[in-house]
Amino acid sequence: MSFLPFGCSPGNYSPEQLRMIQEVYSAIAAEPWFVKDAEKRTAFAARVLLMYNRGLIMPDKLRAFCTVLARHHFSEPPSSAEGQTEPQQPA
């Protein structure tokens, strides 16, 4: 049983498909929490392609799933200076 869109096989994508996959990858990779390591980024790109090949061909669904995947497997902890605010004093 194939989950690929009609006329598509792994490694054979139309320009529109490639653009959509790239946009999903780029949007997630631009997040501040996303890993900076080139090998891990490449591994994530392969996962995005795998999910597309498994049938996640709608951009919003692919992005939502891959965001969760990236948060779980491809995120870095925030640096100690990022995201910290002054403690609130009781009123």
Protein backbone atom coordinates (compact mmCIF):
# COMPACT_ATOMS: atom_id res chain seq x y z
CA MET A 1 0.00 0.00 0.00
CA SER A 2 1.40 3.39 -0.96
CA PHE A 3 0.74 6.62 0.89
CA LEU A 4 2.39 8.79 -1.74
CA PRO A 5 0.39 11.33 -3.70
CA PHE A 6 -0.56 10.18 -7.17
CA GLY A 7 2.38 10.50 -9.53
CA CYS A 8 4.94 10.90 -6.77
CA SER A 9 7.61 8.54 -5.59
CA PRO A 10 10.33 9.04 -2.99
CA GLY A 11 12.90 11.40 -4.44
CA ASN A 12 10.62 12.52 -7.28
CA TYR A 13 8.89 15.77 -6.32
CA SER A 14 7.30 18.54 -8.32
CA PRO A 15 8.61 22.09 -7.83
CA GLU A 16 5.44 22.95 -5.87
CA GLN A 17 5.92 19.97 -3.56
CA LEU A 18 9.56 20.86 -2.96
CA ARG A 19 8.66 24.48 -2.25
CA MET A 20 6.03 23.46 0.30
CA ILE A 21 8.37 20.97 2.02
CA GLN A 22 11.14 23.58 2.12
CA GLU A 23 8.78 26.19 3.58
CA VAL A 24 7.74 23.80 6.35
CA TYR A 25 11.36 22.94 7.13
CA SER A 26 12.52 26.58 7.02
CA ALA A 27 9.72 27.83 9.26
CA ILE A 28 10.54 25.27 11.94
CA ALA A 29 14.32 25.58 11.57
CA ALA A 30 14.04 29.35 12.09
CA GLU A 31 12.58 28.89 15.57
CA PRO A 32 14.95 30.02 18.34
CA TRP A 33 14.69 26.67 20.14
CA PHE A 34 15.65 24.61 17.05
CA VAL A 35 19.07 22.91 17.10
CA LYS A 36 22.01 24.65 15.46
CA ASP A 37 24.00 21.47 14.71
CA ALA A 38 24.19 20.84 10.94
CA GLU A 39 23.92 17.03 11.25
CA LYS A 40 20.81 17.28 13.39
CA ARG A 41 19.27 19.80 10.99
CA THR A 42 19.93 17.39 8.12
CA ALA A 43 18.34 14.56 10.11
CA PHE A 44 15.28 16.74 10.70
CA ALA A 45 15.02 17.57 6.99
CA ALA A 46 15.03 13.83 6.27
CA ARG A 47 12.21 13.38 8.79
CA VAL A 48 10.15 16.11 7.11
CA LEU A 49 10.56 14.32 3.77
CA LEU A 50 9.69 10.99 5.38
CA MET A 51 6.49 12.39 6.86
CA TYR A 52 5.56 13.89 3.50
CA ASN A 53 6.17 10.52 1.83
CA ARG A 54 4.00 8.83 4.45
CA GLY A 55 1.05 10.96 3.49
CA LEU A 56 1.29 14.24 5.41
CA ILE A 57 0.92 16.28 2.24
CA MET A 58 -1.21 19.14 3.57
CA PRO A 59 1.12 22.00 4.56
CA ASP A 60 -0.63 22.86 7.83
CA LYS A 61 -0.77 19.24 8.98
CA LEU A 62 2.84 18.57 7.95
CA ARG A 63 4.01 21.68 9.79
CA ALA A 64 2.00 20.90 12.93
CA PHE A 65 3.29 17.33 13.13
CA CYS A 66 6.88 18.29 12.33
CA THR A 67 6.82 21.09 14.90
CA VAL A 68 5.91 18.59 17.61
CA LEU A 69 8.57 16.22 16.29
CA ALA A 70 11.18 18.98 16.28
CA ARG A 71 10.27 20.17 19.77
CA HIS A 72 10.67 16.64 21.08
CA HIS A 73 13.80 15.52 19.19
CA PHE A 74 15.48 18.62 17.73
CA SER A 75 15.29 21.39 20.31
CA GLU A 76 17.96 22.93 22.48
CA PRO A 77 17.38 24.08 26.01
CA PRO A 78 17.18 27.86 26.27
CA SER A 79 20.37 29.58 27.37
CA SER A 80 20.37 30.87 30.91
CA ALA A 81 19.98 34.48 29.72
CA GLU A 82 17.07 33.82 27.34
CA GLY A 83 13.51 34.02 28.51
CA GLN A 84 14.28 35.05 32.09
CA THR A 85 12.37 37.86 33.66
CA GLU A 86 12.72 39.64 36.95
CA PRO A 87 10.94 37.85 39.81
CA GLN A 88 7.61 39.47 40.65
CA GLN A 89 7.32 41.12 44.07
CA PRO A 90 4.06 40.59 45.93
CA ALA A 91 1.83 43.68 45.88
